[in-house]
Amino acid sequence: MSMMNANATATTAMTANEPLDFVLPEMGDADFSSEELAEDRDGFTMSFPRIKIPAGGVLQFELPTGDPQHPDYSPTLTGVILYNHASCAYWPEGDEYNDDVPPLCSSVDGKQGYGEPGGTCATCTLSQFGSASNGRGKACKNMRVLYLLRSGEFMPLAINLSPTSISPFREFLNQGFVFRNRATYGSLVEIGLKRQTNPEGKDYSVATFKRLGDFHGDQLA
């Protein structure tokens, strides 16, 4: 090995093991006790802040701030993917992106649907290619939910991947984690957006994924 290659290898190894810029808050740092917080939450089902892949080719994520009229916007989201799972939903034709219309049938795990028609997702006719009105896709939207914990935050964001973003995530998961025998929570990742155009000439947004580095030692623990 040449001196140049040896130095490059040493630099890469050293960089790979440097602590990443990520802060995991201590639960003990909270200003209020669990008992005090439980009083406010009594009778409520808590949920994660939800982020959707924007429609129309928009290249920014909309982030909730507590004020619905003034959300934050960001071109990328950086954090740790704690967990991910499949999800399915079937809306009446034309209402797929209408937040005010609930789905006729939905599944929180992509396996068992509840509603109309309900039943096993794998054998449902609405979950087969060609069942959509355009004859190409599926009438039921197959999605993926990622739980992304950002630096310094207590609660992860629930990011709903649209059907067109599932394939890029699957490839990223294989290359960045499965083939390296590594769990997703062992690395810091960045999620972005890119614009694509469908056969009808309409723009849409697709999620992009980048692994920024791996956690090691105490940081991984």
N, C-alpha and C. Protein backbone atom coordinates (compact mmCIF):
# COMPACT_ATOMS: atom_id res chain seq x y z
N MET A 1 0.84 -1.20 0.00
CA MET A 1 0.00 0.00 0.00
C MET A 1 0.87 1.25 0.00
N SER A 2 0.59 2.22 -0.89
CA SER A 2 1.37 3.44 -0.96
C SER A 2 1.12 4.29 0.27
N MET A 3 2.06 5.23 0.52
CA MET A 3 1.91 6.12 1.66
C MET A 3 0.63 6.94 1.55
N MET A 4 0.29 7.38 0.31
CA MET A 4 -0.91 8.18 0.11
C MET A 4 -2.16 7.37 0.44
N ASN A 5 -2.21 6.11 -0.02
CA ASN A 5 -3.37 5.27 0.27
C ASN A 5 -3.47 4.96 1.76
N ALA A 6 -2.32 4.76 2.40
CA ALA A 6 -2.32 4.47 3.84
C ALA A 6 -2.85 5.64 4.63
N ASN A 7 -2.43 6.86 4.24
CA ASN A 7 -2.91 8.06 4.94
C ASN A 7 -4.41 8.25 4.73
N ALA A 8 -4.86 7.97 3.50
CA ALA A 8 -6.28 8.12 3.19
C ALA A 8 -7.10 7.14 3.99
N THR A 9 -6.59 5.89 4.12
CA THR A 9 -7.30 4.87 4.88
C THR A 9 -7.37 5.24 6.36
N ALA A 10 -6.26 5.74 6.90
CA ALA A 10 -6.22 6.13 8.31
C ALA A 10 -7.16 7.30 8.58
N THR A 11 -7.19 8.27 7.64
CA THR A 11 -8.06 9.43 7.81
C THR A 11 -9.52 9.02 7.77
N THR A 12 -9.86 8.11 6.83
CA THR A 12 -11.24 7.62 6.73
C THR A 12 -11.66 6.90 8.00
N ALA A 13 -10.78 6.03 8.52
CA ALA A 13 -11.09 5.27 9.74
C ALA A 13 -11.26 6.20 10.93
N MET A 14 -10.39 7.23 11.02
CA MET A 14 -10.47 8.15 12.14
C MET A 14 -11.75 8.98 12.06
N THR A 15 -12.08 9.44 10.83
CA THR A 15 -13.30 10.23 10.67
C THR A 15 -14.53 9.41 10.99
N ALA A 16 -14.52 8.13 10.59
CA ALA A 16 -15.68 7.27 10.80
C ALA A 16 -15.96 7.04 12.27
N ASN A 17 -14.89 7.15 13.13
CA ASN A 17 -15.07 6.88 14.55
C ASN A 17 -15.19 8.15 15.39
N GLU A 18 -15.16 9.31 14.75
CA GLU A 18 -15.35 10.54 15.50
C GLU A 18 -16.81 10.65 15.95
N PRO A 19 -17.06 11.18 17.15
CA PRO A 19 -18.45 11.33 17.62
C PRO A 19 -19.25 12.21 16.67
N LEU A 20 -20.46 11.80 16.39
CA LEU A 20 -21.34 12.58 15.53
C LEU A 20 -22.00 13.69 16.32
N ASP A 21 -22.37 14.74 15.62
CA ASP A 21 -23.01 15.89 16.26
C ASP A 21 -24.48 15.57 16.51
N PHE A 22 -24.73 14.86 17.60
CA PHE A 22 -26.09 14.45 17.94
C PHE A 22 -26.22 14.38 19.45
N VAL A 23 -27.29 15.00 19.98
CA VAL A 23 -27.51 15.07 21.43
C VAL A 23 -28.74 14.25 21.77
N LEU A 24 -28.59 13.28 22.65
CA LEU A 24 -29.72 12.52 23.16
C LEU A 24 -30.08 13.06 24.53
N PRO A 25 -31.21 13.73 24.67
CA PRO A 25 -31.54 14.37 25.96
C PRO A 25 -31.81 13.35 27.05
N GLU A 26 -31.43 13.70 28.24
CA GLU A 26 -31.67 12.84 29.39
C GLU A 26 -33.09 13.09 29.91
N MET A 27 -33.82 12.01 30.16
CA MET A 27 -35.19 12.15 30.65
C MET A 27 -35.22 12.89 31.98
N GLY A 28 -34.15 12.77 32.76
CA GLY A 28 -34.09 13.43 34.06
C GLY A 28 -33.97 14.93 33.97
N ASP A 29 -33.69 15.45 32.74
CA ASP A 29 -33.53 16.89 32.58
C ASP A 29 -34.86 17.63 32.46
N ALA A 30 -35.97 16.89 32.41
CA ALA A 30 -37.28 17.53 32.24
C ALA A 30 -37.62 18.39 33.46
N ASP A 31 -38.35 19.49 33.21
CA ASP A 31 -38.71 20.41 34.29
C ASP A 31 -39.89 19.90 35.12
N PHE A 32 -40.63 18.92 34.58
CA PHE A 32 -41.81 18.41 35.25
C PHE A 32 -41.71 16.90 35.43
N SER A 33 -42.28 16.39 36.50
CA SER A 33 -42.24 14.96 36.79
C SER A 33 -43.23 14.20 35.91
N SER A 34 -43.06 12.88 35.84
CA SER A 34 -43.97 12.05 35.06
C SER A 34 -45.39 12.14 35.61
N GLU A 35 -45.52 12.25 36.92
CA GLU A 35 -46.83 12.35 37.53
C GLU A 35 -47.53 13.66 37.14
N GLU A 36 -46.77 14.75 37.11
CA GLU A 36 -47.36 16.04 36.72
C GLU A 36 -47.79 16.04 35.26
N LEU A 37 -46.98 15.44 34.40
CA LEU A 37 -47.32 15.38 32.99
C LEU A 37 -48.51 14.47 32.75
N ALA A 38 -48.62 13.39 33.55
CA ALA A 38 -49.72 12.44 33.38
C ALA A 38 -51.07 13.09 33.62
N GLU A 39 -51.12 14.09 34.49
CA GLU A 39 -52.38 14.78 34.76
C GLU A 39 -52.91 15.47 33.51
N ASP A 40 -52.03 16.09 32.74
CA ASP A 40 -52.45 16.78 31.51
C ASP A 40 -52.87 15.79 30.43
N ARG A 41 -52.28 14.59 30.45
CA ARG A 41 -52.51 13.63 29.38
C ARG A 41 -53.66 12.67 29.68
N ASP A 42 -54.22 12.76 30.86
CA ASP A 42 -55.26 11.82 31.27
C ASP A 42 -56.44 11.85 30.30
N GLY A 43 -56.79 10.68 29.78
CA GLY A 43 -57.92 10.57 28.86
C GLY A 43 -57.59 10.83 27.41
N PHE A 44 -56.32 11.19 27.11
CA PHE A 44 -55.93 11.47 25.73
C PHE A 44 -55.00 10.38 25.21
N THR A 45 -55.10 10.09 23.92
CA THR A 45 -54.14 9.23 23.26
C THR A 45 -53.10 10.10 22.59
N MET A 46 -51.87 10.00 23.04
CA MET A 46 -50.82 10.85 22.50
C MET A 46 -50.37 10.35 21.13
N SER A 47 -49.93 11.26 20.29
CA SER A 47 -49.47 10.90 18.95
C SER A 47 -48.19 11.65 18.62
N PHE A 48 -47.45 11.13 17.65
CA PHE A 48 -46.21 11.77 17.24
C PHE A 48 -46.51 12.90 16.25
N PRO A 49 -45.67 13.93 16.21
CA PRO A 49 -45.80 14.95 15.16
C PRO A 49 -45.63 14.27 13.80
N ARG A 50 -46.57 14.50 12.87
CA ARG A 50 -46.55 13.79 11.59
C ARG A 50 -46.08 14.70 10.46
N ILE A 51 -45.21 14.13 9.63
CA ILE A 51 -44.66 14.84 8.48
C ILE A 51 -45.02 14.03 7.22
N LYS A 52 -45.53 14.72 6.19
CA LYS A 52 -45.87 14.05 4.95
C LYS A 52 -44.90 14.47 3.84
N ILE A 53 -44.72 13.57 2.86
CA ILE A 53 -43.99 13.95 1.66
C ILE A 53 -44.88 14.95 0.91
N PRO A 54 -44.40 16.16 0.65
CA PRO A 54 -45.26 17.18 0.04
C PRO A 54 -45.69 16.80 -1.38
N ALA A 55 -46.84 17.30 -1.79
CA ALA A 55 -47.35 17.05 -3.14
C ALA A 55 -46.88 18.14 -4.10
N GLY A 56 -47.07 17.90 -5.39
CA GLY A 56 -46.81 18.92 -6.40
C GLY A 56 -45.36 19.24 -6.66
N GLY A 57 -44.44 18.38 -6.22
CA GLY A 57 -43.03 18.62 -6.47
C GLY A 57 -42.39 19.62 -5.54
N VAL A 58 -43.06 19.97 -4.45
CA VAL A 58 -42.49 20.89 -3.45
C VAL A 58 -41.26 20.25 -2.81
N LEU A 59 -40.20 21.03 -2.61
CA LEU A 59 -38.94 20.49 -2.11
C LEU A 59 -38.63 20.94 -0.68
N GLN A 60 -39.67 21.13 0.12
CA GLN A 60 -39.50 21.46 1.53
C GLN A 60 -40.50 20.69 2.38
N PHE A 61 -40.04 20.24 3.54
CA PHE A 61 -40.92 19.59 4.50
C PHE A 61 -41.63 20.67 5.33
N GLU A 62 -42.90 20.42 5.64
CA GLU A 62 -43.65 21.31 6.52
C GLU A 62 -43.63 20.72 7.92
N LEU A 63 -43.11 21.48 8.89
CA LEU A 63 -42.94 21.01 10.26
C LEU A 63 -43.91 21.71 11.19
N PRO A 64 -44.64 20.97 12.03
CA PRO A 64 -45.57 21.60 12.97
C PRO A 64 -44.82 22.39 14.04
N THR A 65 -45.39 23.52 14.44
CA THR A 65 -44.76 24.37 15.45
C THR A 65 -45.66 24.61 16.66
N GLY A 66 -46.89 24.13 16.61
CA GLY A 66 -47.86 24.47 17.64
C GLY A 66 -48.80 25.56 17.18
N ASP A 67 -48.42 26.25 16.09
CA ASP A 67 -49.27 27.27 15.48
C ASP A 67 -49.57 26.83 14.06
N PRO A 68 -50.78 26.29 13.79
CA PRO A 68 -51.09 25.77 12.44
C PRO A 68 -50.93 26.79 11.33
N GLN A 69 -51.04 28.07 11.65
CA GLN A 69 -50.93 29.11 10.64
C GLN A 69 -49.48 29.47 10.30
N HIS A 70 -48.57 29.04 11.14
CA HIS A 70 -47.16 29.40 10.92
C HIS A 70 -46.25 28.19 11.16
N PRO A 71 -46.31 27.20 10.28
CA PRO A 71 -45.39 26.06 10.41
C PRO A 71 -43.98 26.44 9.97
N ASP A 72 -43.02 25.61 10.32
CA ASP A 72 -41.65 25.78 9.84
C ASP A 72 -41.47 24.98 8.56
N TYR A 73 -40.46 25.36 7.78
CA TYR A 73 -40.16 24.63 6.55
C TYR A 73 -38.67 24.32 6.50
N SER A 74 -38.36 23.14 6.00
CA SER A 74 -36.96 22.74 5.91
C SER A 74 -36.76 21.82 4.70
N PRO A 75 -35.67 22.01 3.94
CA PRO A 75 -35.42 21.14 2.79
C PRO A 75 -34.95 19.75 3.17
N THR A 76 -34.44 19.60 4.39
CA THR A 76 -33.95 18.29 4.85
C THR A 76 -34.33 18.06 6.30
N LEU A 77 -34.35 16.79 6.69
CA LEU A 77 -34.56 16.38 8.07
C LEU A 77 -33.40 15.47 8.46
N THR A 78 -32.75 15.77 9.59
CA THR A 78 -31.60 14.99 10.04
C THR A 78 -31.90 14.36 11.39
N GLY A 79 -31.56 13.08 11.54
CA GLY A 79 -31.78 12.40 12.81
C GLY A 79 -31.50 10.93 12.71
N VAL A 80 -32.09 10.18 13.65
CA VAL A 80 -31.89 8.74 13.74
C VAL A 80 -33.23 8.04 13.52
N ILE A 81 -33.26 7.08 12.61
CA ILE A 81 -34.48 6.32 12.37
C ILE A 81 -34.58 5.25 13.46
N LEU A 82 -35.47 5.47 14.42
CA LEU A 82 -35.62 4.52 15.53
C LEU A 82 -36.37 3.27 15.12
N TYR A 83 -37.33 3.44 14.20
CA TYR A 83 -38.21 2.32 13.84
C TYR A 83 -38.93 2.68 12.56
N ASN A 84 -39.36 1.67 11.80
CA ASN A 84 -40.17 1.92 10.62
C ASN A 84 -41.11 0.74 10.39
N HIS A 85 -42.26 1.00 9.80
CA HIS A 85 -43.21 -0.07 9.54
C HIS A 85 -44.10 0.27 8.36
N ALA A 86 -44.73 -0.75 7.78
CA ALA A 86 -45.63 -0.56 6.65
C ALA A 86 -46.95 0.04 7.12
N SER A 87 -47.66 0.65 6.19
CA SER A 87 -48.97 1.23 6.46
C SER A 87 -49.73 1.30 5.15
N CYS A 88 -51.04 1.11 5.20
CA CYS A 88 -51.88 1.15 3.99
C CYS A 88 -53.13 1.98 4.25
N ALA A 89 -53.65 2.59 3.19
CA ALA A 89 -54.90 3.34 3.31
C ALA A 89 -55.58 3.43 1.95
N TYR A 90 -56.91 3.28 1.97
CA TYR A 90 -57.70 3.38 0.75
C TYR A 90 -58.72 4.49 0.90
N TRP A 91 -58.63 5.50 0.02
CA TRP A 91 -59.55 6.62 0.01
C TRP A 91 -60.50 6.53 -1.19
N PRO A 92 -61.63 7.19 -1.12
CA PRO A 92 -62.48 7.30 -2.30
C PRO A 92 -61.70 7.96 -3.44
N GLU A 93 -61.99 7.60 -4.65
CA GLU A 93 -61.28 8.13 -5.81
C GLU A 93 -61.27 9.65 -5.80
N GLY A 94 -60.06 10.22 -5.88
CA GLY A 94 -59.91 11.67 -5.91
C GLY A 94 -59.66 12.31 -4.57
N ASP A 95 -59.78 11.56 -3.48
CA ASP A 95 -59.60 12.13 -2.14
C ASP A 95 -58.32 11.64 -1.46
N GLU A 96 -57.40 11.06 -2.24
CA GLU A 96 -56.19 10.50 -1.66
C GLU A 96 -55.37 11.51 -0.86
N TYR A 97 -55.42 12.78 -1.26
CA TYR A 97 -54.59 13.79 -0.61
C TYR A 97 -55.42 14.83 0.13
N ASN A 98 -56.66 14.49 0.41
CA ASN A 98 -57.54 15.39 1.15
C ASN A 98 -57.51 15.03 2.63
N ASP A 99 -56.90 15.90 3.43
CA ASP A 99 -56.75 15.61 4.87
C ASP A 99 -58.08 15.60 5.61
N ASP A 100 -59.12 16.17 5.00
CA ASP A 100 -60.42 16.23 5.66
C ASP A 100 -61.28 15.01 5.40
N VAL A 101 -60.81 14.11 4.53
CA VAL A 101 -61.57 12.90 4.19
C VAL A 101 -60.86 11.68 4.77
N PRO A 102 -61.48 10.96 5.69
CA PRO A 102 -60.84 9.77 6.26
C PRO A 102 -60.83 8.63 5.26
N PRO A 103 -59.86 7.74 5.33
CA PRO A 103 -59.83 6.59 4.41
C PRO A 103 -60.99 5.64 4.69
N LEU A 104 -61.46 4.97 3.63
CA LEU A 104 -62.50 3.96 3.80
C LEU A 104 -61.96 2.72 4.48
N CYS A 105 -60.68 2.45 4.26
CA CYS A 105 -60.04 1.28 4.86
C CYS A 105 -58.59 1.65 5.15
N SER A 106 -58.07 1.17 6.27
CA SER A 106 -56.69 1.49 6.62
C SER A 106 -56.06 0.35 7.41
N SER A 107 -54.73 0.34 7.40
CA SER A 107 -53.97 -0.67 8.13
C SER A 107 -52.76 -0.01 8.75
N VAL A 108 -52.54 -0.24 10.04
CA VAL A 108 -51.40 0.37 10.72
C VAL A 108 -50.13 -0.45 10.55
N ASP A 109 -50.24 -1.68 10.05
CA ASP A 109 -49.05 -2.52 9.89
C ASP A 109 -48.88 -3.05 8.47
N GLY A 110 -49.78 -2.68 7.55
CA GLY A 110 -49.68 -3.16 6.18
C GLY A 110 -50.05 -4.62 6.01
N LYS A 111 -50.66 -5.21 7.04
CA LYS A 111 -51.02 -6.63 6.99
C LYS A 111 -52.52 -6.86 7.12
N GLN A 112 -53.14 -6.17 8.07
CA GLN A 112 -54.57 -6.35 8.34
C GLN A 112 -55.29 -5.02 8.17
N GLY A 113 -56.27 -4.99 7.25
CA GLY A 113 -57.01 -3.77 7.00
C GLY A 113 -58.30 -3.73 7.79
N TYR A 114 -58.69 -2.51 8.18
CA TYR A 114 -59.93 -2.31 8.93
C TYR A 114 -60.76 -1.25 8.22
N GLY A 115 -62.03 -1.58 7.98
CA GLY A 115 -62.92 -0.68 7.27
C GLY A 115 -63.56 -1.41 6.11
N GLU A 116 -63.73 -0.71 4.99
CA GLU A 116 -64.34 -1.27 3.80
C GLU A 116 -63.35 -1.24 2.63
N PRO A 117 -62.82 -2.38 2.16
CA PRO A 117 -63.34 -3.73 2.38
C PRO A 117 -62.75 -4.46 3.60
N GLY A 118 -61.63 -4.02 4.16
CA GLY A 118 -61.03 -4.71 5.30
C GLY A 118 -60.43 -6.04 4.88
N GLY A 119 -59.87 -6.76 5.87
CA GLY A 119 -59.31 -8.09 5.59
C GLY A 119 -57.81 -8.08 5.44
N THR A 120 -57.28 -9.16 4.91
CA THR A 120 -55.83 -9.33 4.73
C THR A 120 -55.33 -8.49 3.57
N CYS A 121 -54.37 -7.63 3.83
CA CYS A 121 -53.89 -6.70 2.81
C CYS A 121 -53.24 -7.40 1.61
N ALA A 122 -52.49 -8.48 1.88
CA ALA A 122 -51.74 -9.14 0.82
C ALA A 122 -52.65 -9.71 -0.27
N THR A 123 -53.86 -10.11 0.10
CA THR A 123 -54.77 -10.72 -0.88
C THR A 123 -55.90 -9.78 -1.31
N CYS A 124 -55.91 -8.55 -0.81
CA CYS A 124 -56.96 -7.60 -1.16
C CYS A 124 -56.81 -7.17 -2.62
N THR A 125 -57.91 -7.14 -3.35
CA THR A 125 -57.87 -6.75 -4.76
C THR A 125 -57.44 -5.30 -4.94
N LEU A 126 -57.71 -4.44 -3.94
CA LEU A 126 -57.35 -3.03 -4.04
C LEU A 126 -55.85 -2.80 -3.83
N SER A 127 -55.15 -3.84 -3.37
CA SER A 127 -53.71 -3.73 -3.13
C SER A 127 -52.91 -4.41 -4.24
N GLN A 128 -53.55 -4.66 -5.37
CA GLN A 128 -52.87 -5.30 -6.50
C GLN A 128 -52.59 -4.25 -7.57
N PHE A 129 -51.44 -4.40 -8.25
CA PHE A 129 -51.11 -3.49 -9.33
C PHE A 129 -52.17 -3.58 -10.43
N GLY A 130 -52.58 -2.41 -10.93
CA GLY A 130 -53.62 -2.35 -11.95
C GLY A 130 -54.99 -2.05 -11.40
N SER A 131 -55.13 -2.01 -10.06
CA SER A 131 -56.44 -1.75 -9.45
C SER A 131 -56.78 -0.26 -9.41
N ALA A 132 -55.78 0.62 -9.61
CA ALA A 132 -56.04 2.06 -9.62
C ALA A 132 -56.82 2.44 -10.87
N SER A 133 -57.45 3.61 -10.83
CA SER A 133 -58.29 4.04 -11.94
C SER A 133 -57.50 4.23 -13.24
N ASN A 134 -56.19 4.54 -13.11
CA ASN A 134 -55.37 4.72 -14.31
C ASN A 134 -54.87 3.40 -14.88
N GLY A 135 -55.18 2.28 -14.16
CA GLY A 135 -54.81 0.97 -14.66
C GLY A 135 -53.36 0.58 -14.42
N ARG A 136 -52.58 1.44 -13.72
CA ARG A 136 -51.16 1.13 -13.51
C ARG A 136 -50.84 0.81 -12.05
N GLY A 137 -51.21 1.72 -11.15
CA GLY A 137 -50.85 1.54 -9.75
C GLY A 137 -51.89 0.77 -8.96
N LYS A 138 -51.83 0.99 -7.64
CA LYS A 138 -52.76 0.32 -6.73
C LYS A 138 -53.80 1.32 -6.23
N ALA A 139 -55.03 0.85 -6.09
CA ALA A 139 -56.09 1.70 -5.54
C ALA A 139 -55.81 2.03 -4.08
N CYS A 140 -55.25 1.08 -3.35
CA CYS A 140 -54.87 1.28 -1.95
C CYS A 140 -53.43 1.77 -1.90
N LYS A 141 -53.20 2.84 -1.14
CA LYS A 141 -51.86 3.40 -1.05
C LYS A 141 -51.02 2.59 -0.06
N ASN A 142 -49.94 1.99 -0.56
CA ASN A 142 -48.97 1.32 0.30
C ASN A 142 -47.95 2.36 0.75
N MET A 143 -47.84 2.58 2.06
CA MET A 143 -46.94 3.60 2.58
C MET A 143 -45.97 2.99 3.58
N ARG A 144 -45.08 3.82 4.09
CA ARG A 144 -44.13 3.40 5.12
C ARG A 144 -43.99 4.54 6.10
N VAL A 145 -43.99 4.23 7.37
CA VAL A 145 -43.86 5.25 8.41
C VAL A 145 -42.48 5.13 9.06
N LEU A 146 -41.72 6.23 9.04
CA LEU A 146 -40.41 6.27 9.68
C LEU A 146 -40.51 7.13 10.94
N TYR A 147 -39.89 6.68 12.03
CA TYR A 147 -39.86 7.46 13.26
C TYR A 147 -38.45 8.02 13.43
N LEU A 148 -38.33 9.32 13.14
CA LEU A 148 -37.03 9.98 13.10
C LEU A 148 -36.84 10.85 14.33
N LEU A 149 -35.83 10.52 15.14
CA LEU A 149 -35.51 11.32 16.33
C LEU A 149 -34.42 12.31 15.96
N ARG A 150 -34.73 13.60 16.13
CA ARG A 150 -33.75 14.65 15.83
C ARG A 150 -32.95 15.02 17.08
N SER A 151 -31.80 15.56 16.87
CA SER A 151 -30.89 15.90 17.96
C SER A 151 -31.55 16.81 18.97
N GLY A 152 -31.45 16.44 20.26
CA GLY A 152 -31.95 17.27 21.34
C GLY A 152 -33.44 17.17 21.60
N GLU A 153 -34.16 16.36 20.83
CA GLU A 153 -35.61 16.27 20.99
C GLU A 153 -36.01 14.98 21.73
N PHE A 154 -37.14 15.04 22.45
CA PHE A 154 -37.62 13.89 23.21
C PHE A 154 -38.49 12.97 22.37
N MET A 155 -39.25 13.55 21.44
CA MET A 155 -40.20 12.77 20.65
C MET A 155 -39.78 12.71 19.20
N PRO A 156 -39.87 11.54 18.58
CA PRO A 156 -39.52 11.44 17.15
C PRO A 156 -40.64 11.97 16.26
N LEU A 157 -40.27 12.34 15.05
CA LEU A 157 -41.23 12.70 14.03
C LEU A 157 -41.70 11.43 13.33
N ALA A 158 -42.99 11.35 13.02
CA ALA A 158 -43.52 10.23 12.24
C ALA A 158 -43.61 10.71 10.79
N ILE A 159 -42.74 10.19 9.93
CA ILE A 159 -42.68 10.62 8.54
C ILE A 159 -43.40 9.60 7.67
N ASN A 160 -44.46 10.02 7.01
CA ASN A 160 -45.24 9.13 6.15
C ASN A 160 -44.66 9.14 4.75
N LEU A 161 -44.02 8.04 4.35
CA LEU A 161 -43.48 7.94 3.01
C LEU A 161 -44.59 7.58 2.03
N SER A 162 -44.70 8.33 0.96
CA SER A 162 -45.67 8.02 -0.09
C SER A 162 -45.21 6.79 -0.87
N PRO A 163 -46.10 6.17 -1.66
CA PRO A 163 -45.72 4.96 -2.40
C PRO A 163 -44.47 5.13 -3.27
N THR A 164 -44.30 6.31 -3.89
CA THR A 164 -43.14 6.52 -4.76
C THR A 164 -41.83 6.67 -3.98
N SER A 165 -41.90 6.87 -2.68
CA SER A 165 -40.69 7.02 -1.86
C SER A 165 -40.28 5.72 -1.18
N ILE A 166 -41.10 4.69 -1.31
CA ILE A 166 -40.78 3.43 -0.64
C ILE A 166 -39.59 2.74 -1.29
N SER A 167 -39.54 2.72 -2.63
CA SER A 167 -38.44 2.06 -3.32
C SER A 167 -37.09 2.70 -2.98
N PRO A 168 -36.96 4.06 -3.01
CA PRO A 168 -35.69 4.67 -2.58
C PRO A 168 -35.32 4.32 -1.15
N PHE A 169 -36.31 4.25 -0.26
CA PHE A 169 -36.00 3.91 1.13
C PHE A 169 -35.54 2.46 1.23
N ARG A 170 -36.18 1.55 0.50
CA ARG A 170 -35.78 0.14 0.52
C ARG A 170 -34.33 -0.02 0.06
N GLU A 171 -33.97 0.68 -1.01
CA GLU A 171 -32.60 0.61 -1.51
C GLU A 171 -31.62 1.17 -0.49
N PHE A 172 -31.99 2.30 0.13
CA PHE A 172 -31.14 2.91 1.16
C PHE A 172 -30.99 1.99 2.36
N LEU A 173 -32.08 1.36 2.77
CA LEU A 173 -32.06 0.44 3.91
C LEU A 173 -31.14 -0.74 3.63
N ASN A 174 -31.22 -1.29 2.42
CA ASN A 174 -30.37 -2.43 2.07
C ASN A 174 -28.90 -2.04 2.05
N GLN A 175 -28.59 -0.96 1.30
CA GLN A 175 -27.19 -0.56 1.13
C GLN A 175 -26.58 -0.04 2.43
N GLY A 176 -27.34 0.77 3.17
CA GLY A 176 -26.77 1.42 4.34
C GLY A 176 -26.81 0.61 5.61
N PHE A 177 -27.71 -0.40 5.68
CA PHE A 177 -27.89 -1.11 6.94
C PHE A 177 -27.93 -2.63 6.80
N VAL A 178 -28.83 -3.16 5.99
CA VAL A 178 -28.99 -4.62 5.89
C VAL A 178 -27.70 -5.28 5.43
N PHE A 179 -27.09 -4.76 4.36
CA PHE A 179 -25.87 -5.38 3.82
C PHE A 179 -24.68 -5.19 4.74
N ARG A 180 -24.77 -4.24 5.68
CA ARG A 180 -23.69 -4.01 6.65
C ARG A 180 -24.01 -4.63 8.00
N ASN A 181 -25.15 -5.35 8.07
CA ASN A 181 -25.57 -6.01 9.32
C ASN A 181 -25.64 -5.00 10.46
N ARG A 182 -26.36 -3.89 10.19
CA ARG A 182 -26.43 -2.80 11.15
C ARG A 182 -27.87 -2.31 11.27
N ALA A 183 -28.30 -1.98 12.49
CA ALA A 183 -29.64 -1.46 12.72
C ALA A 183 -29.71 0.01 12.33
N THR A 184 -30.90 0.47 11.95
CA THR A 184 -31.04 1.86 11.50
C THR A 184 -30.70 2.86 12.59
N TYR A 185 -30.95 2.51 13.87
CA TYR A 185 -30.67 3.46 14.94
C TYR A 185 -29.18 3.60 15.22
N GLY A 186 -28.35 2.89 14.48
CA GLY A 186 -26.91 2.98 14.67
C GLY A 186 -26.24 4.04 13.83
N SER A 187 -27.01 4.82 13.08
CA SER A 187 -26.43 5.82 12.19
C SER A 187 -27.26 7.11 12.16
N LEU A 188 -26.60 8.19 11.82
CA LEU A 188 -27.25 9.47 11.63
C LEU A 188 -27.56 9.62 10.14
N VAL A 189 -28.79 9.97 9.80
CA VAL A 189 -29.21 10.03 8.41
C VAL A 189 -29.82 11.39 8.08
N GLU A 190 -29.84 11.69 6.80
CA GLU A 190 -30.47 12.92 6.31
C GLU A 190 -31.51 12.55 5.26
N ILE A 191 -32.72 13.07 5.42
CA ILE A 191 -33.80 12.83 4.48
C ILE A 191 -34.08 14.12 3.73
N GLY A 192 -34.04 14.05 2.41
CA GLY A 192 -34.30 15.21 1.57
C GLY A 192 -35.43 14.94 0.60
N LEU A 193 -35.53 15.79 -0.42
CA LEU A 193 -36.58 15.65 -1.42
C LEU A 193 -36.03 15.95 -2.81
N LYS A 194 -36.58 15.27 -3.81
CA LYS A 194 -36.27 15.61 -5.20
C LYS A 194 -37.56 15.58 -6.01
N ARG A 195 -37.57 16.36 -7.09
CA ARG A 195 -38.77 16.49 -7.90
C ARG A 195 -38.72 15.52 -9.09
N GLN A 196 -39.83 14.85 -9.33
CA GLN A 196 -39.98 13.99 -10.49
C GLN A 196 -41.31 14.30 -11.18
N THR A 197 -41.47 13.79 -12.41
CA THR A 197 -42.67 14.04 -13.20
C THR A 197 -43.29 12.72 -13.64
N ASN A 198 -44.60 12.56 -13.45
CA ASN A 198 -45.28 11.33 -13.84
C ASN A 198 -45.65 11.35 -15.32
N PRO A 199 -46.13 10.25 -15.87
CA PRO A 199 -46.48 10.19 -17.30
C PRO A 199 -47.51 11.22 -17.73
N GLU A 200 -48.34 11.71 -16.79
CA GLU A 200 -49.34 12.72 -17.13
C GLU A 200 -48.76 14.13 -17.12
N GLY A 201 -47.46 14.25 -16.82
CA GLY A 201 -46.81 15.56 -16.81
C GLY A 201 -46.94 16.31 -15.50
N LYS A 202 -47.40 15.65 -14.44
CA LYS A 202 -47.55 16.30 -13.14
C LYS A 202 -46.32 16.05 -12.28
N ASP A 203 -45.84 17.11 -11.63
CA ASP A 203 -44.69 16.99 -10.74
C ASP A 203 -45.10 16.38 -9.40
N TYR A 204 -44.19 15.62 -8.81
CA TYR A 204 -44.39 15.08 -7.48
C TYR A 204 -43.04 14.99 -6.77
N SER A 205 -43.08 14.87 -5.47
CA SER A 205 -41.85 14.84 -4.67
C SER A 205 -41.54 13.42 -4.20
N VAL A 206 -40.27 13.09 -4.20
CA VAL A 206 -39.80 11.78 -3.75
C VAL A 206 -38.72 12.00 -2.69
N ALA A 207 -38.77 11.20 -1.64
CA ALA A 207 -37.79 11.32 -0.56
C ALA A 207 -36.43 10.78 -1.00
N THR A 208 -35.38 11.44 -0.55
CA THR A 208 -34.02 10.97 -0.77
C THR A 208 -33.39 10.69 0.60
N PHE A 209 -32.39 9.80 0.61
CA PHE A 209 -31.81 9.37 1.88
C PHE A 209 -30.28 9.35 1.78
N LYS A 210 -29.65 9.83 2.85
CA LYS A 210 -28.19 9.85 2.91
C LYS A 210 -27.74 9.48 4.32
N ARG A 211 -26.77 8.59 4.42
CA ARG A 211 -26.19 8.23 5.72
C ARG A 211 -25.03 9.17 6.00
N LEU A 212 -25.13 9.93 7.08
CA LEU A 212 -24.11 10.92 7.40
C LEU A 212 -22.96 10.34 8.21
N GLY A 213 -23.20 9.24 8.91
CA GLY A 213 -22.16 8.62 9.72
C GLY A 213 -22.74 7.62 10.69
N ASP A 214 -21.87 6.81 11.28
CA ASP A 214 -22.28 5.77 12.22
C ASP A 214 -21.93 6.17 13.64
N PHE A 215 -22.76 5.73 14.58
CA PHE A 215 -22.46 5.91 15.99
C PHE A 215 -21.54 4.78 16.46
N HIS A 216 -20.62 5.10 17.34
CA HIS A 216 -19.68 4.11 17.88
C HIS A 216 -19.54 4.27 19.38
N GLY A 217 -19.11 3.24 20.04
CA GLY A 217 -18.77 3.31 21.46
C GLY A 217 -19.91 3.78 22.33
N ASP A 218 -19.60 4.75 23.22
CA ASP A 218 -20.59 5.25 24.16
C ASP A 218 -21.77 5.91 23.46
N GLN A 219 -21.51 6.55 22.33
CA GLN A 219 -22.58 7.23 21.61
C GLN A 219 -23.58 6.21 21.07
N LEU A 220 -23.09 5.09 20.59
CA LEU A 220 -23.98 4.04 20.10
C LEU A 220 -24.75 3.41 21.25
N ALA A 221 -24.08 3.18 22.37
CA ALA A 221 -24.73 2.58 23.54
C ALA A 221 -25.84 3.49 24.05
